[in-house]
């Protein structure tokens, strides 16, 4: 099973060929830009991927505010702590970090 950038490129190309587009809201653009800038500035080397229902909803043209980010090289808590460090250095508001130990369902 092929994985990696070439497979992702073909998936993106397939979406483009079929005319499937997903536009980002200003909030989403700001969020993704901040995440990329933090990862680069703090030299995390983290590959971030948007996953879950948000992707499905975007492809269907629906609004969604539940954005799941998967990380390849650290826990969500470690990433959130580093992100807060970056936000502090930028003079931006830091956010509380909460861990859900078990899915409530």
N, C-alpha and C. Protein backbone atom coordinates (compact mmCIF):
# COMPACT_ATOMS: atom_id res chain seq x y z
N UNK A 1 0.85 -1.19 0.00
CA UNK A 1 0.00 0.00 0.00
C UNK A 1 0.89 1.24 0.00
N UNK A 2 0.70 2.07 -0.99
CA UNK A 2 1.53 3.27 -1.13
C UNK A 2 1.05 4.35 -0.16
N UNK A 3 2.00 5.00 0.50
CA UNK A 3 1.70 6.09 1.41
C UNK A 3 2.63 7.23 1.10
N UNK A 4 2.40 8.37 1.77
CA UNK A 4 3.32 9.47 1.64
C UNK A 4 2.84 10.57 0.73
N UNK A 5 3.75 11.50 0.43
CA UNK A 5 3.38 12.68 -0.34
C UNK A 5 2.81 12.39 -1.72
N UNK A 6 3.33 11.37 -2.43
CA UNK A 6 2.83 11.11 -3.78
C UNK A 6 1.36 10.65 -3.74
N UNK A 7 1.00 9.85 -2.76
CA UNK A 7 -0.39 9.41 -2.64
C UNK A 7 -1.27 10.60 -2.29
N UNK A 8 -0.82 11.44 -1.34
CA UNK A 8 -1.60 12.62 -0.98
C UNK A 8 -1.76 13.55 -2.18
N UNK A 9 -0.71 13.70 -2.97
CA UNK A 9 -0.77 14.57 -4.14
C UNK A 9 -1.82 14.07 -5.12
N UNK A 10 -1.90 12.75 -5.30
CA UNK A 10 -2.90 12.20 -6.22
C UNK A 10 -4.31 12.38 -5.68
N UNK A 11 -4.47 12.26 -4.37
CA UNK A 11 -5.80 12.47 -3.78
C UNK A 11 -6.23 13.92 -3.99
N UNK A 12 -5.33 14.86 -3.73
CA UNK A 12 -5.63 16.27 -3.94
C UNK A 12 -5.93 16.53 -5.42
N UNK A 13 -5.13 15.94 -6.29
CA UNK A 13 -5.34 16.11 -7.73
C UNK A 13 -6.70 15.56 -8.14
N UNK A 14 -7.11 14.43 -7.57
CA UNK A 14 -8.41 13.84 -7.88
C UNK A 14 -9.53 14.78 -7.46
N UNK A 15 -9.43 15.35 -6.26
CA UNK A 15 -10.43 16.30 -5.81
C UNK A 15 -10.50 17.49 -6.76
N UNK A 16 -9.35 18.01 -7.18
CA UNK A 16 -9.31 19.15 -8.09
C UNK A 16 -9.93 18.80 -9.43
N UNK A 17 -9.62 17.62 -9.95
CA UNK A 17 -10.16 17.20 -11.24
C UNK A 17 -11.68 17.09 -11.19
N UNK A 18 -12.19 16.70 -10.05
CA UNK A 18 -13.63 16.54 -9.90
C UNK A 18 -14.31 17.85 -9.50
N UNK A 19 -13.52 18.90 -9.37
CA UNK A 19 -14.09 20.20 -9.03
C UNK A 19 -14.49 20.34 -7.57
N UNK A 20 -13.95 19.47 -6.72
CA UNK A 20 -14.26 19.54 -5.29
C UNK A 20 -13.32 20.54 -4.63
N UNK A 21 -13.90 21.56 -4.03
CA UNK A 21 -13.11 22.57 -3.36
C UNK A 21 -13.62 22.75 -1.94
N UNK A 22 -12.75 23.12 -1.07
CA UNK A 22 -13.13 23.42 0.30
C UNK A 22 -12.55 24.79 0.63
N UNK A 23 -13.43 25.75 0.86
CA UNK A 23 -12.93 27.08 1.20
C UNK A 23 -12.87 27.21 2.72
N UNK A 24 -11.88 27.95 3.18
CA UNK A 24 -11.67 28.15 4.60
C UNK A 24 -12.28 29.47 5.05
N UNK A 25 -12.81 29.46 6.25
CA UNK A 25 -13.29 30.71 6.84
C UNK A 25 -12.07 31.52 7.29
N UNK A 26 -12.23 32.80 7.54
CA UNK A 26 -11.10 33.58 8.07
C UNK A 26 -10.54 32.98 9.37
N UNK A 27 -11.41 32.47 10.24
CA UNK A 27 -10.93 31.85 11.48
C UNK A 27 -10.08 30.62 11.18
N UNK A 28 -10.54 29.78 10.26
CA UNK A 28 -9.80 28.57 9.91
C UNK A 28 -8.45 28.93 9.28
N UNK A 29 -8.43 29.92 8.42
CA UNK A 29 -7.17 30.36 7.82
C UNK A 29 -6.20 30.83 8.90
N UNK A 30 -6.70 31.63 9.84
CA UNK A 30 -5.85 32.12 10.93
C UNK A 30 -5.35 30.97 11.80
N UNK A 31 -6.23 30.04 12.12
CA UNK A 31 -5.85 28.89 12.95
C UNK A 31 -4.75 28.08 12.29
N UNK A 32 -4.96 27.70 11.02
CA UNK A 32 -3.97 26.87 10.33
C UNK A 32 -2.65 27.61 10.14
N UNK A 33 -2.71 28.90 9.88
CA UNK A 33 -1.49 29.70 9.75
C UNK A 33 -0.74 29.73 11.07
N UNK A 34 -1.45 29.95 12.16
CA UNK A 34 -0.82 29.98 13.49
C UNK A 34 -0.17 28.65 13.82
N UNK A 35 -0.87 27.55 13.54
CA UNK A 35 -0.30 26.22 13.82
C UNK A 35 0.97 25.99 13.02
N UNK A 36 0.95 26.33 11.73
CA UNK A 36 2.16 26.16 10.90
C UNK A 36 3.30 27.04 11.39
N UNK A 37 2.99 28.30 11.70
CA UNK A 37 4.03 29.22 12.17
C UNK A 37 4.63 28.75 13.49
N UNK A 38 3.80 28.27 14.40
CA UNK A 38 4.29 27.79 15.69
C UNK A 38 5.20 26.58 15.49
N UNK A 39 4.77 25.63 14.68
CA UNK A 39 5.57 24.43 14.44
C UNK A 39 6.92 24.80 13.84
N UNK A 40 6.91 25.73 12.90
CA UNK A 40 8.16 26.14 12.26
C UNK A 40 9.05 26.92 13.22
N UNK A 41 8.49 27.90 13.92
CA UNK A 41 9.28 28.75 14.82
C UNK A 41 9.89 27.96 15.97
N UNK A 42 9.16 26.98 16.48
CA UNK A 42 9.65 26.19 17.61
C UNK A 42 10.40 24.95 17.15
N UNK A 43 10.59 24.83 15.85
CA UNK A 43 11.33 23.71 15.26
C UNK A 43 10.83 22.36 15.77
N UNK A 44 9.52 22.20 15.74
CA UNK A 44 8.91 20.96 16.22
C UNK A 44 9.05 19.83 15.21
N UNK A 45 9.12 20.15 13.93
CA UNK A 45 9.18 19.11 12.91
C UNK A 45 7.92 18.28 12.85
N UNK A 46 6.82 18.87 13.26
CA UNK A 46 5.56 18.14 13.36
C UNK A 46 4.78 18.20 12.06
N UNK A 47 4.32 17.04 11.61
CA UNK A 47 3.39 16.98 10.50
C UNK A 47 2.00 17.00 11.10
N UNK A 48 1.21 17.99 10.70
CA UNK A 48 -0.16 18.12 11.21
C UNK A 48 -1.12 17.82 10.07
N UNK A 49 -2.15 17.07 10.40
CA UNK A 49 -3.18 16.75 9.42
C UNK A 49 -4.54 17.02 10.03
N UNK A 50 -5.40 17.66 9.27
CA UNK A 50 -6.77 17.86 9.71
C UNK A 50 -7.51 16.56 9.43
N UNK A 51 -8.29 16.12 10.41
CA UNK A 51 -8.94 14.82 10.29
C UNK A 51 -10.40 14.91 10.75
N UNK A 52 -11.11 13.85 10.55
CA UNK A 52 -12.44 13.73 11.13
C UNK A 52 -13.55 14.40 10.36
N UNK A 53 -14.61 14.69 11.09
CA UNK A 53 -15.83 15.22 10.50
C UNK A 53 -15.68 16.56 9.84
N UNK A 54 -14.73 17.37 10.30
CA UNK A 54 -14.52 18.68 9.69
C UNK A 54 -14.17 18.52 8.22
N UNK A 55 -13.33 17.56 7.90
CA UNK A 55 -12.92 17.34 6.51
C UNK A 55 -14.14 16.93 5.69
N UNK A 56 -14.89 15.98 6.20
CA UNK A 56 -16.11 15.54 5.50
C UNK A 56 -17.07 16.71 5.27
N UNK A 57 -17.30 17.48 6.33
CA UNK A 57 -18.23 18.60 6.22
C UNK A 57 -17.75 19.63 5.21
N UNK A 58 -16.46 19.93 5.21
CA UNK A 58 -15.91 20.89 4.24
C UNK A 58 -16.10 20.39 2.82
N UNK A 59 -15.85 19.12 2.59
CA UNK A 59 -16.00 18.56 1.24
C UNK A 59 -17.46 18.55 0.80
N UNK A 60 -18.37 18.50 1.77
CA UNK A 60 -19.80 18.55 1.45
C UNK A 60 -20.33 19.97 1.40
N UNK A 61 -19.44 20.94 1.68
CA UNK A 61 -19.85 22.34 1.65
C UNK A 61 -20.60 22.78 2.89
N UNK A 62 -20.43 22.04 3.99
CA UNK A 62 -21.12 22.37 5.24
C UNK A 62 -20.18 23.09 6.19
N UNK A 63 -20.77 23.89 7.08
CA UNK A 63 -19.97 24.55 8.11
C UNK A 63 -19.67 23.57 9.23
N UNK A 64 -18.51 23.73 9.83
CA UNK A 64 -18.12 22.87 10.95
C UNK A 64 -17.13 23.64 11.81
N UNK A 65 -17.30 23.54 13.12
CA UNK A 65 -16.34 24.20 14.00
C UNK A 65 -15.60 23.20 14.88
N UNK A 66 -15.71 21.92 14.55
CA UNK A 66 -15.03 20.85 15.31
C UNK A 66 -13.85 20.37 14.48
N UNK A 67 -12.69 20.99 14.70
CA UNK A 67 -11.50 20.70 13.90
C UNK A 67 -10.56 19.79 14.69
N UNK A 68 -10.33 18.59 14.18
CA UNK A 68 -9.41 17.65 14.81
C UNK A 68 -8.09 17.70 14.05
N UNK A 69 -6.99 17.83 14.79
CA UNK A 69 -5.66 17.87 14.21
C UNK A 69 -4.89 16.66 14.69
N UNK A 70 -4.42 15.84 13.77
CA UNK A 70 -3.56 14.71 14.17
C UNK A 70 -2.11 15.14 14.05
N UNK A 71 -1.29 14.64 14.95
CA UNK A 71 0.14 14.99 15.02
C UNK A 71 0.96 13.73 14.87
N UNK A 72 2.12 13.84 14.22
CA UNK A 72 2.91 12.64 13.96
C UNK A 72 4.01 12.37 14.97
N UNK A 73 4.39 13.37 15.78
CA UNK A 73 5.59 13.14 16.60
C UNK A 73 5.49 13.56 18.06
N UNK A 74 4.30 13.91 18.52
CA UNK A 74 4.15 14.27 19.93
C UNK A 74 2.69 14.19 20.32
N UNK A 75 2.46 14.21 21.62
CA UNK A 75 1.09 14.16 22.13
C UNK A 75 0.42 15.52 21.92
N UNK A 76 -0.89 15.50 21.99
CA UNK A 76 -1.64 16.75 21.89
C UNK A 76 -1.31 17.71 23.01
N UNK A 77 -1.10 17.18 24.22
CA UNK A 77 -0.75 18.03 25.36
C UNK A 77 0.59 18.70 25.14
N UNK A 78 1.59 17.93 24.71
CA UNK A 78 2.92 18.51 24.47
C UNK A 78 2.84 19.59 23.39
N UNK A 79 2.06 19.32 22.33
CA UNK A 79 1.92 20.32 21.27
C UNK A 79 1.22 21.57 21.80
N UNK A 80 0.15 21.39 22.56
CA UNK A 80 -0.60 22.54 23.10
C UNK A 80 0.28 23.38 24.01
N UNK A 81 1.13 22.73 24.82
CA UNK A 81 2.04 23.48 25.70
C UNK A 81 3.03 24.30 24.88
N UNK A 82 3.56 23.71 23.83
CA UNK A 82 4.50 24.43 22.96
C UNK A 82 3.79 25.55 22.20
N UNK A 83 2.55 25.28 21.78
CA UNK A 83 1.77 26.30 21.09
C UNK A 83 1.51 27.49 22.01
N UNK A 84 1.18 27.22 23.27
CA UNK A 84 0.99 28.31 24.23
C UNK A 84 2.28 29.10 24.42
N UNK A 85 3.42 28.42 24.43
CA UNK A 85 4.71 29.09 24.52
C UNK A 85 4.87 30.06 23.34
N UNK A 86 4.56 29.58 22.13
CA UNK A 86 4.66 30.41 20.93
C UNK A 86 3.72 31.61 21.03
N UNK A 87 2.48 31.37 21.45
CA UNK A 87 1.51 32.47 21.56
C UNK A 87 1.99 33.52 22.55
N UNK A 88 2.55 33.08 23.68
CA UNK A 88 3.08 34.02 24.67
C UNK A 88 4.20 34.86 24.06
N UNK A 89 5.10 34.22 23.33
CA UNK A 89 6.21 34.95 22.69
C UNK A 89 5.71 35.95 21.66
N UNK A 90 4.55 35.68 21.07
CA UNK A 90 3.96 36.57 20.07
C UNK A 90 3.07 37.64 20.69
N UNK A 91 2.93 37.61 22.02
CA UNK A 91 2.07 38.56 22.70
C UNK A 91 0.59 38.25 22.52
N UNK A 92 0.29 37.01 22.18
CA UNK A 92 -1.10 36.58 21.97
C UNK A 92 -1.63 35.90 23.21
N UNK A 93 -2.94 35.78 23.26
CA UNK A 93 -3.61 35.11 24.38
C UNK A 93 -3.27 33.63 24.40
N UNK A 94 -2.94 33.13 25.58
CA UNK A 94 -2.72 31.69 25.75
C UNK A 94 -4.04 31.05 26.15
N UNK A 95 -4.13 29.74 25.98
CA UNK A 95 -5.39 29.04 26.23
C UNK A 95 -5.18 27.91 27.23
N UNK A 96 -6.24 27.62 27.98
CA UNK A 96 -6.21 26.51 28.93
C UNK A 96 -6.11 25.20 28.16
N UNK A 97 -5.42 24.25 28.75
CA UNK A 97 -5.26 22.92 28.15
C UNK A 97 -6.04 21.92 28.99
N UNK A 98 -6.91 21.17 28.35
CA UNK A 98 -7.71 20.16 29.03
C UNK A 98 -7.49 18.81 28.36
N UNK A 99 -7.41 17.78 29.17
CA UNK A 99 -7.25 16.42 28.65
C UNK A 99 -8.50 15.63 28.97
N UNK A 100 -9.08 15.02 27.95
CA UNK A 100 -10.21 14.13 28.15
C UNK A 100 -9.64 12.71 28.23
N UNK A 101 -9.75 12.11 29.40
CA UNK A 101 -9.15 10.80 29.62
C UNK A 101 -9.93 9.68 28.95
N UNK A 102 -11.25 9.88 28.80
CA UNK A 102 -12.08 8.84 28.22
C UNK A 102 -13.22 9.50 27.48
N UNK A 103 -13.58 8.95 26.35
CA UNK A 103 -14.71 9.48 25.60
C UNK A 103 -15.96 9.31 26.43
N UNK A 104 -16.75 10.37 26.67
CA UNK A 104 -17.91 10.27 27.56
C UNK A 104 -19.04 9.40 27.05
N UNK A 105 -19.00 8.98 25.81
CA UNK A 105 -20.09 8.16 25.26
C UNK A 105 -19.96 6.80 25.77
